[in-house]
Amino acid sequence: MGQYERPLIALLANHFKSGGYRVFSHVRLNVALSPIVSDIDLLLLKNGELTLIEVKSSHDKFSRASSQIQGVSEFVDYAYVATDRLPTMDWTDTHIGLILANGDEVLQLVRAKKFRGEPSRNGLFQLQKKCLCRMAGVKDAGITKFEIVDSVHANWDAPLLRECVKCVVVCGGQCETDCPIRKFTKPPSS
């Protein structure tokens, strides 16, 4: 975390905590993506919905935020870019919201739209193989990750799959003690 992001993250965390959110800063998602994409500045949880906030101070390269968020959009419900300065360009992203955090004030300039739909095969492929095996109900014995992804993609109901994937990517790797996949019923065979 950069020295310029630190006060912005603290301001945003306090703001959202006071709004009833559970707030997690500096989260690494349980996905096989680069740390630039999988490291989240702020992750908010409220009513079972995950909101990602990518913080860009006036010293950061603002244009990277959208591509960073797109890389994890299948794993969250909402996404925002928060900054301490107004962007010089028009905000054209159709799903990503915009927050201005300046001084002690937090203003939502553009409301985020909910990401919907079924996780893609590519999105599922970003999950760890052991997680995919549990989701597919198979042992990791000679089966390829591609085959497991195809099985999960074909056999899970889209809304249930999206909820399961959201739980898996924020599980913190507690596979043996708190695996979120165990909370979901195995989908019926096709």
C-alpha atoms as a PDB file:
ATOM      1  CA  MET A   1       0.000   0.000   0.000  1.00  0.00           C
ATOM      2  CA  GLY A   2       1.373   3.352  -0.991  1.00  0.00           C
ATOM      3  CA  GLN A   3       1.705   6.253   1.385  1.00  0.00           C
ATOM      4  CA  TYR A   4      -0.909   8.223  -0.581  1.00  0.00           C
ATOM      5  CA  GLU A   5      -3.477   5.393  -0.510  1.00  0.00           C
ATOM      6  CA  ARG A   6      -3.242   4.805   3.241  1.00  0.00           C
ATOM      7  CA  PRO A   7      -5.329   7.820   4.363  1.00  0.00           C
ATOM      8  CA  LEU A   8      -7.886   7.248   1.580  1.00  0.00           C
ATOM      9  CA  ILE A   9      -8.348   3.610   2.561  1.00  0.00           C
ATOM     10  CA  ALA A  10      -8.739   4.571   6.233  1.00  0.00           C
ATOM     11  CA  LEU A  11     -11.341   7.221   5.362  1.00  0.00           C
ATOM     12  CA  LEU A  12     -13.294   4.838   3.137  1.00  0.00           C
ATOM     13  CA  ALA A  13     -13.112   1.981   5.662  1.00  0.00           C
ATOM     14  CA  ASN A  14     -14.517   4.188   8.435  1.00  0.00           C
ATOM     15  CA  HIS A  15     -17.233   5.545   6.138  1.00  0.00           C
ATOM     16  CA  PHE A  16     -18.456   2.103   5.093  1.00  0.00           C
ATOM     17  CA  LYS A  17     -18.167   0.596   8.591  1.00  0.00           C
ATOM     18  CA  SER A  18     -20.485   3.338   9.832  1.00  0.00           C
ATOM     19  CA  GLY A  19     -22.896   2.281   7.058  1.00  0.00           C
ATOM     20  CA  GLY A  20     -23.101  -1.276   8.406  1.00  0.00           C
ATOM     21  CA  TYR A  21     -20.622  -2.934   6.062  1.00  0.00           C
ATOM     22  CA  ARG A  22     -18.005  -5.452   7.110  1.00  0.00           C
ATOM     23  CA  VAL A  23     -14.814  -3.960   5.701  1.00  0.00           C
ATOM     24  CA  PHE A  24     -11.656  -5.832   4.719  1.00  0.00           C
ATOM     25  CA  SER A  25      -8.619  -3.977   3.457  1.00  0.00           C
ATOM     26  CA  HIS A  26      -5.758  -5.384   1.413  1.00  0.00           C
ATOM     27  CA  VAL A  27      -7.438  -8.657   0.499  1.00  0.00           C
ATOM     28  CA  ARG A  28      -5.871 -11.188  -1.827  1.00  0.00           C
ATOM     29  CA  LEU A  29      -8.516 -13.184  -3.650  1.00  0.00           C
ATOM     30  CA  ASN A  30      -8.162 -16.952  -3.818  1.00  0.00           C
ATOM     31  CA  VAL A  31      -7.669 -16.944  -7.602  1.00  0.00           C
ATOM     32  CA  ALA A  32      -4.817 -17.684  -9.972  1.00  0.00           C
ATOM     33  CA  LEU A  33      -4.375 -14.132 -11.205  1.00  0.00           C
ATOM     34  CA  SER A  34      -1.454 -11.767 -10.884  1.00  0.00           C
ATOM     35  CA  PRO A  35      -1.185  -9.912  -7.553  1.00  0.00           C
ATOM     36  CA  ILE A  36      -1.908  -6.656  -9.405  1.00  0.00           C
ATOM     37  CA  VAL A  37      -5.379  -7.979 -10.241  1.00  0.00           C
ATOM     38  CA  SER A  38      -6.105 -10.227  -7.246  1.00  0.00           C
ATOM     39  CA  ASP A  39      -4.996  -7.768  -4.530  1.00  0.00           C
ATOM     40  CA  ILE A  40      -8.036  -5.735  -3.530  1.00  0.00           C
ATOM     41  CA  ASP A  41      -7.735  -2.391  -1.725  1.00  0.00           C
ATOM     42  CA  LEU A  42     -11.124  -2.687   0.005  1.00  0.00           C
ATOM     43  CA  LEU A  43     -13.709  -5.446   0.004  1.00  0.00           C
ATOM     44  CA  LEU A  44     -17.089  -4.706   1.564  1.00  0.00           C
ATOM     45  CA  LEU A  45     -19.681  -7.239   2.653  1.00  0.00           C
ATOM     46  CA  LYS A  46     -23.301  -6.464   3.441  1.00  0.00           C
ATOM     47  CA  ASN A  47     -26.425  -8.568   2.962  1.00  0.00           C
ATOM     48  CA  GLY A  48     -24.410 -11.277   1.211  1.00  0.00           C
ATOM     49  CA  GLU A  49     -23.181  -8.902  -1.478  1.00  0.00           C
ATOM     50  CA  LEU A  50     -19.520  -8.197  -2.173  1.00  0.00           C
ATOM     51  CA  THR A  51     -18.387  -4.746  -3.202  1.00  0.00           C
ATOM     52  CA  LEU A  52     -14.845  -4.120  -4.398  1.00  0.00           C
ATOM     53  CA  ILE A  53     -13.208  -0.704  -4.128  1.00  0.00           C
ATOM     54  CA  GLU A  54     -10.026   0.038  -6.032  1.00  0.00           C
ATOM     55  CA  VAL A  55      -8.337   3.109  -4.545  1.00  0.00           C
ATOM     56  CA  LYS A  56      -6.414   5.452  -6.838  1.00  0.00           C
ATOM     57  CA  SER A  57      -4.815   8.497  -5.248  1.00  0.00           C
ATOM     58  CA  SER A  58      -3.875  11.560  -7.237  1.00  0.00           C
ATOM     59  CA  HIS A  59      -0.373  10.035  -7.470  1.00  0.00           C
ATOM     60  CA  ASP A  60      -1.590   6.792  -9.095  1.00  0.00           C
ATOM     61  CA  LYS A  61      -2.282   5.959 -12.713  1.00  0.00           C
ATOM     62  CA  PHE A  62      -6.063   6.243 -12.806  1.00  0.00           C
ATOM     63  CA  SER A  63      -6.539   4.537 -16.176  1.00  0.00           C
ATOM     64  CA  ARG A  64      -5.447   1.114 -14.826  1.00  0.00           C
ATOM     65  CA  ALA A  65      -8.346   0.863 -12.380  1.00  0.00           C
ATOM     66  CA  SER A  66     -10.961  -0.245 -14.897  1.00  0.00           C
ATOM     67  CA  SER A  67      -8.859  -3.116 -16.273  1.00  0.00           C
ATOM     68  CA  GLN A  68      -7.960  -4.246 -12.739  1.00  0.00           C
ATOM     69  CA  ILE A  69     -11.641  -4.388 -11.814  1.00  0.00           C
ATOM     70  CA  GLN A  70     -12.673  -6.147 -15.018  1.00  0.00           C
ATOM     71  CA  GLY A  71     -10.248  -8.937 -14.134  1.00  0.00           C
ATOM     72  CA  VAL A  72     -12.219  -9.808 -10.985  1.00  0.00           C
ATOM     73  CA  SER A  73     -15.722  -8.663 -11.968  1.00  0.00           C
ATOM     74  CA  GLU A  74     -17.018 -12.257 -12.088  1.00  0.00           C
ATOM     75  CA  PHE A  75     -16.232 -12.664  -8.399  1.00  0.00           C
ATOM     76  CA  VAL A  76     -17.982  -9.609  -6.904  1.00  0.00           C
ATOM     77  CA  ASP A  77     -21.406  -7.960  -7.086  1.00  0.00           C
ATOM     78  CA  TYR A  78     -20.363  -4.307  -7.336  1.00  0.00           C
ATOM     79  CA  ALA A  79     -17.173  -2.373  -8.011  1.00  0.00           C
ATOM     80  CA  TYR A  80     -16.051   1.191  -7.467  1.00  0.00           C
ATOM     81  CA  VAL A  81     -12.996   3.291  -8.106  1.00  0.00           C
ATOM     82  CA  ALA A  82     -12.326   5.683  -5.243  1.00  0.00           C
ATOM     83  CA  THR A  83     -10.064   8.667  -5.697  1.00  0.00           C
ATOM     84  CA  ASP A  84      -9.133  11.922  -4.021  1.00  0.00           C
ATOM     85  CA  ARG A  85      -9.445  13.911  -7.248  1.00  0.00           C
ATOM     86  CA  LEU A  86     -12.032  14.178  -9.970  1.00  0.00           C
ATOM     87  CA  PRO A  87     -10.966  12.380 -13.131  1.00  0.00           C
ATOM     88  CA  THR A  88     -10.286  14.632 -16.095  1.00  0.00           C
ATOM     89  CA  MET A  89     -12.045  12.222 -18.447  1.00  0.00           C
ATOM     90  CA  ASP A  90     -15.768  11.496 -18.656  1.00  0.00           C
ATOM     91  CA  TRP A  91     -16.784   8.433 -16.645  1.00  0.00           C
ATOM     92  CA  THR A  92     -18.012   6.006 -19.295  1.00  0.00           C
ATOM     93  CA  ASP A  93     -17.724   2.618 -17.612  1.00  0.00           C
ATOM     94  CA  THR A  94     -21.223   1.168 -17.547  1.00  0.00           C
ATOM     95  CA  HIS A  95     -20.865  -0.965 -14.396  1.00  0.00           C
ATOM     96  CA  ILE A  96     -18.089   0.544 -12.295  1.00  0.00           C
ATOM     97  CA  GLY A  97     -19.062   3.280  -9.870  1.00  0.00           C
ATOM     98  CA  LEU A  98     -16.993   6.305  -8.872  1.00  0.00           C
ATOM     99  CA  ILE A  99     -16.357   7.628  -5.349  1.00  0.00           C
ATOM    100  CA  LEU A 100     -14.641  10.871  -4.419  1.00  0.00           C
ATOM    101  CA  ALA A 101     -12.882  10.681  -1.035  1.00  0.00           C
ATOM    102  CA  ASN A 102     -11.495  14.069  -0.149  1.00  0.00           C
ATOM    103  CA  GLY A 103     -10.588  15.474   3.250  1.00  0.00           C
ATOM    104  CA  ASP A 104     -13.118  13.817   5.547  1.00  0.00           C
ATOM    105  CA  GLU A 105     -15.889  13.545   2.957  1.00  0.00           C
ATOM    106  CA  VAL A 106     -16.931  10.524   0.875  1.00  0.00           C
ATOM    107  CA  LEU A 107     -19.205  11.220  -2.096  1.00  0.00           C
ATOM    108  CA  GLN A 108     -20.627   8.649  -4.471  1.00  0.00           C
ATOM    109  CA  LEU A 109     -20.444  10.368  -7.848  1.00  0.00           C
ATOM    110  CA  VAL A 110     -21.540   7.428 -10.019  1.00  0.00           C
ATOM    111  CA  ARG A 111     -23.509   4.461  -8.664  1.00  0.00           C
ATOM    112  CA  ALA A 112     -22.173   1.028  -9.606  1.00  0.00           C
ATOM    113  CA  LYS A 113     -24.444  -1.417 -11.410  1.00  0.00           C
ATOM    114  CA  LYS A 114     -24.624  -5.003 -10.232  1.00  0.00           C
ATOM    115  CA  PHE A 115     -22.492  -7.507 -12.117  1.00  0.00           C
ATOM    116  CA  ARG A 116     -24.730 -10.393 -13.114  1.00  0.00           C
ATOM    117  CA  GLY A 117     -24.629 -13.590 -15.008  1.00  0.00           C
ATOM    118  CA  GLU A 118     -22.941 -16.897 -14.815  1.00  0.00           C
ATOM    119  CA  PRO A 119     -19.191 -17.059 -14.238  1.00  0.00           C
ATOM    120  CA  SER A 120     -17.499 -17.791 -17.547  1.00  0.00           C
ATOM    121  CA  ARG A 121     -15.297 -20.801 -18.195  1.00  0.00           C
ATOM    122  CA  ASN A 122     -12.317 -18.451 -18.139  1.00  0.00           C
ATOM    123  CA  GLY A 123     -13.420 -17.071 -14.776  1.00  0.00           C
ATOM    124  CA  LEU A 124     -13.847 -20.565 -13.352  1.00  0.00           C
ATOM    125  CA  PHE A 125     -10.428 -21.528 -14.690  1.00  0.00           C
ATOM    126  CA  GLN A 126      -8.949 -18.874 -12.377  1.00  0.00           C
ATOM    127  CA  LEU A 127     -10.068 -20.887  -9.334  1.00  0.00           C
ATOM    128  CA  GLN A 128      -7.687 -23.360  -7.748  1.00  0.00           C
ATOM    129  CA  LYS A 129      -7.965 -26.916  -9.051  1.00  0.00           C
ATOM    130  CA  LYS A 130      -8.707 -28.331  -5.573  1.00  0.00           C
ATOM    131  CA  CYS A 131     -11.692 -25.951  -5.286  1.00  0.00           C
ATOM    132  CA  LEU A 132     -12.975 -26.932  -8.704  1.00  0.00           C
ATOM    133  CA  CYS A 133     -12.636 -30.636  -7.842  1.00  0.00           C
ATOM    134  CA  ARG A 134     -14.773 -30.137  -4.730  1.00  0.00           C
ATOM    135  CA  MET A 135     -17.345 -28.220  -6.757  1.00  0.00           C
ATOM    136  CA  ALA A 136     -17.469 -30.953  -9.400  1.00  0.00           C
ATOM    137  CA  GLY A 137     -17.471 -33.733  -6.810  1.00  0.00           C
ATOM    138  CA  VAL A 138     -14.448 -35.451  -8.368  1.00  0.00           C
ATOM    139  CA  LYS A 139     -11.028 -36.573  -7.177  1.00  0.00           C
ATOM    140  CA  ASP A 140      -7.967 -34.992  -8.763  1.00  0.00           C
ATOM    141  CA  ALA A 141      -6.831 -38.201 -10.454  1.00  0.00           C
ATOM    142  CA  GLY A 142      -5.872 -37.773 -14.082  1.00  0.00           C
ATOM    143  CA  ILE A 143      -8.651 -35.331 -14.909  1.00  0.00           C
ATOM    144  CA  THR A 144      -7.602 -32.047 -16.468  1.00  0.00           C
ATOM    145  CA  LYS A 145      -8.561 -28.659 -15.120  1.00  0.00           C
ATOM    146  CA  PHE A 146     -10.350 -27.971 -18.422  1.00  0.00           C
ATOM    147  CA  GLU A 147     -12.551 -31.036 -17.918  1.00  0.00           C
ATOM    148  CA  ILE A 148     -13.354 -30.031 -14.352  1.00  0.00           C
ATOM    149  CA  VAL A 149     -14.248 -26.470 -15.413  1.00  0.00           C
ATOM    150  CA  ASP A 150     -16.539 -27.828 -18.145  1.00  0.00           C
ATOM    151  CA  SER A 151     -18.247 -30.120 -15.626  1.00  0.00           C
ATOM    152  CA  VAL A 152     -18.801 -27.322 -13.104  1.00  0.00           C
ATOM    153  CA  HIS A 153     -19.972 -24.917 -15.798  1.00  0.00           C
ATOM    154  CA  ALA A 154     -22.450 -27.437 -17.232  1.00  0.00           C
ATOM    155  CA  ASN A 155     -23.862 -28.817 -13.977  1.00  0.00           C
ATOM    156  CA  TRP A 156     -24.381 -25.820 -11.724  1.00  0.00           C
ATOM    157  CA  ASP A 157     -27.334 -23.462 -11.794  1.00  0.00           C
ATOM    158  CA  ALA A 158     -25.941 -20.001 -12.735  1.00  0.00           C
ATOM    159  CA  PRO A 159     -27.087 -18.033  -9.626  1.00  0.00           C
ATOM    160  CA  LEU A 160     -25.915 -20.788  -7.264  1.00  0.00           C
ATOM    161  CA  LEU A 161     -22.595 -21.053  -9.113  1.00  0.00           C
ATOM    162  CA  ARG A 162     -22.027 -17.299  -8.859  1.00  0.00           C
ATOM    163  CA  GLU A 163     -22.714 -17.359  -5.101  1.00  0.00           C
ATOM    164  CA  CYS A 164     -20.399 -20.337  -4.599  1.00  0.00           C
ATOM    165  CA  VAL A 165     -17.607 -18.706  -6.621  1.00  0.00           C
ATOM    166  CA  LYS A 166     -17.939 -15.488  -4.584  1.00  0.00           C
ATOM    167  CA  CYS A 167     -17.500 -17.527  -1.397  1.00  0.00           C
ATOM    168  CA  VAL A 168     -14.532 -19.463  -2.761  1.00  0.00           C
ATOM    169  CA  VAL A 169     -12.561 -16.398  -3.843  1.00  0.00           C
ATOM    170  CA  VAL A 170     -12.795 -14.815  -0.387  1.00  0.00           C
ATOM    171  CA  CYS A 171     -12.306 -18.009   1.636  1.00  0.00           C
ATOM    172  CA  GLY A 172      -8.764 -17.184   2.718  1.00  0.00           C
ATOM    173  CA  GLY A 173      -7.575 -20.674   1.820  1.00  0.00           C
ATOM    174  CA  GLN A 174      -9.108 -22.314   4.897  1.00  0.00           C
ATOM    175  CA  CYS A 175      -9.752 -25.483   2.912  1.00  0.00           C
ATOM    176  CA  GLU A 176      -9.726 -28.022   5.713  1.00  0.00           C
ATOM    177  CA  THR A 177     -11.464 -25.996   8.410  1.00  0.00           C
ATOM    178  CA  ASP A 178     -13.860 -23.638   6.669  1.00  0.00           C
ATOM    179  CA  CYS A 179     -14.344 -24.592   3.020  1.00  0.00           C
ATOM    180  CA  PRO A 180     -17.312 -22.589   1.687  1.00  0.00           C
ATOM    181  CA  ILE A 181     -18.073 -25.209  -0.975  1.00  0.00           C
ATOM    182  CA  ARG A 182     -19.351 -27.504   1.774  1.00  0.00           C
ATOM    183  CA  LYS A 183     -22.136 -25.003   2.417  1.00  0.00           C
ATOM    184  CA  PHE A 184     -23.531 -25.514  -1.084  1.00  0.00           C
ATOM    185  CA  THR A 185     -25.426 -28.624  -2.084  1.00  0.00           C
ATOM    186  CA  LYS A 186     -23.923 -30.671  -4.870  1.00  0.00           C
ATOM    187  CA  PRO A 187     -25.816 -29.890  -8.087  1.00  0.00           C
ATOM    188  CA  PRO A 188     -28.018 -32.609  -9.566  1.00  0.00           C
ATOM    189  CA  SER A 189     -26.455 -34.730 -12.306  1.00  0.00           C
ATOM    190  CA  SER A 190     -27.490 -33.807 -15.827  1.00  0.00           C
END
